[in-house]
Amino acid sequence: MQETWYVYLLQTENNKIYTGISPDVNARFHKHVVGKGALFTKLNKPLKVLAFKAFTSKREAAIVEIQIKKIPKASKLTMASLWNSESKV
């Protein structure tokens, strides 16, 4: 049985966007907040989860994560709005 993985976008105190993957977004966000996450979030304290989207495998989530990390911040914010509107349907 495959585990669901999520791509998530975090907003930091200095208004940067961090993109990551995890099977448990809430637990991973907590790790970032207490300084146990990525180096980026140790240097740029996360404020909130902007959005997340489920994927059927870690591999699929990782591919999407890499693609998102290559796009500009404005596009990431648009994506977050889209993901949030999809989750409300």
Protein backbone atom coordinates (compact mmCIF):
# COMPACT_ATOMS: atom_id res chain seq x y z
CA MET A 1 0.00 0.00 0.00
CA GLN A 2 1.40 3.38 -1.02
CA GLU A 3 1.56 6.20 1.48
CA THR A 4 0.16 9.60 0.52
CA TRP A 5 2.82 12.30 0.29
CA TYR A 6 2.22 16.03 0.25
CA VAL A 7 3.96 18.96 -1.38
CA TYR A 8 3.62 21.97 0.91
CA LEU A 9 4.41 25.67 0.75
CA LEU A 10 5.43 27.62 3.86
CA GLN A 11 5.59 31.37 4.36
CA THR A 12 8.50 32.61 6.47
CA GLU A 13 8.86 35.64 8.73
CA ASN A 14 10.88 37.44 6.09
CA ASN A 15 8.20 36.72 3.48
CA LYS A 16 10.02 33.96 1.61
CA ILE A 17 8.33 30.78 0.39
CA TYR A 18 9.70 27.34 1.26
CA THR A 19 8.63 24.24 -0.66
CA GLY A 20 8.93 20.75 0.80
CA ILE A 21 7.43 17.26 0.85
CA SER A 22 6.22 15.08 3.71
CA PRO A 23 3.69 12.35 4.49
CA ASP A 24 2.56 14.49 7.48
CA VAL A 25 2.48 18.23 6.82
CA ASN A 26 1.55 19.24 10.39
CA ALA A 27 4.37 17.23 11.97
CA ARG A 28 6.86 18.51 9.42
CA PHE A 29 5.77 22.12 9.95
CA HIS A 30 6.30 21.69 13.70
CA LYS A 31 9.82 20.38 13.03
CA HIS A 32 10.56 23.42 10.89
CA VAL A 33 9.24 25.75 13.62
CA VAL A 34 11.44 24.23 16.34
CA GLY A 35 14.53 24.29 14.10
CA LYS A 36 14.67 20.58 13.28
CA GLY A 37 13.74 20.98 9.62
CA ALA A 38 15.72 22.13 6.63
CA LEU A 39 18.58 24.62 6.84
CA PHE A 40 16.45 27.11 4.90
CA THR A 41 13.80 27.14 7.63
CA LYS A 42 16.45 27.41 10.36
CA LEU A 43 17.60 30.63 8.70
CA ASN A 44 14.10 31.77 7.65
CA LYS A 45 11.63 31.04 10.46
CA PRO A 46 8.34 29.65 9.11
CA LEU A 47 5.11 31.44 10.00
CA LYS A 48 2.43 29.29 8.42
CA VAL A 49 1.55 26.63 5.90
CA LEU A 50 0.27 28.45 2.83
CA ALA A 51 -1.02 25.36 1.05
CA PHE A 52 -0.44 21.67 0.42
CA LYS A 53 -1.46 19.09 -2.13
CA ALA A 54 -1.61 15.30 -1.91
CA PHE A 55 0.25 12.96 -4.25
CA THR A 56 0.10 9.19 -4.58
CA SER A 57 3.81 8.58 -3.99
CA LYS A 58 6.96 10.13 -2.58
CA ARG A 59 8.48 10.05 -6.07
CA GLU A 60 5.59 12.01 -7.60
CA ALA A 61 5.70 14.58 -4.77
CA ALA A 62 9.48 14.98 -5.14
CA ILE A 63 9.17 15.63 -8.88
CA VAL A 64 6.55 18.32 -8.28
CA GLU A 65 8.65 19.83 -5.45
CA ILE A 66 11.64 20.23 -7.77
CA GLN A 67 9.46 21.88 -10.42
CA ILE A 68 7.96 24.31 -7.90
CA LYS A 69 11.37 25.30 -6.53
CA LYS A 70 12.27 26.53 -10.03
CA ILE A 71 9.35 28.96 -10.43
CA PRO A 72 9.12 32.57 -9.20
CA LYS A 73 7.53 33.51 -5.88
CA ALA A 74 4.48 35.08 -7.55
CA SER A 75 3.75 31.78 -9.31
CA LYS A 76 4.10 29.89 -6.03
CA LEU A 77 1.55 32.22 -4.41
CA THR A 78 -0.85 31.68 -7.32
CA MET A 79 -0.37 27.93 -6.97
CA ALA A 80 -1.09 28.13 -3.24
CA SER A 81 -4.37 29.97 -3.94
CA LEU A 82 -5.32 27.38 -6.54
CA TRP A 83 -4.54 24.46 -4.22
CA ASN A 84 -6.55 26.08 -1.42
CA SER A 85 -9.54 26.65 -3.70
CA GLU A 86 -9.37 23.03 -4.90
CA SER A 87 -9.42 21.71 -1.35
CA LYS A 88 -12.64 23.63 -0.59
CA VAL A 89 -14.58 22.01 -3.45
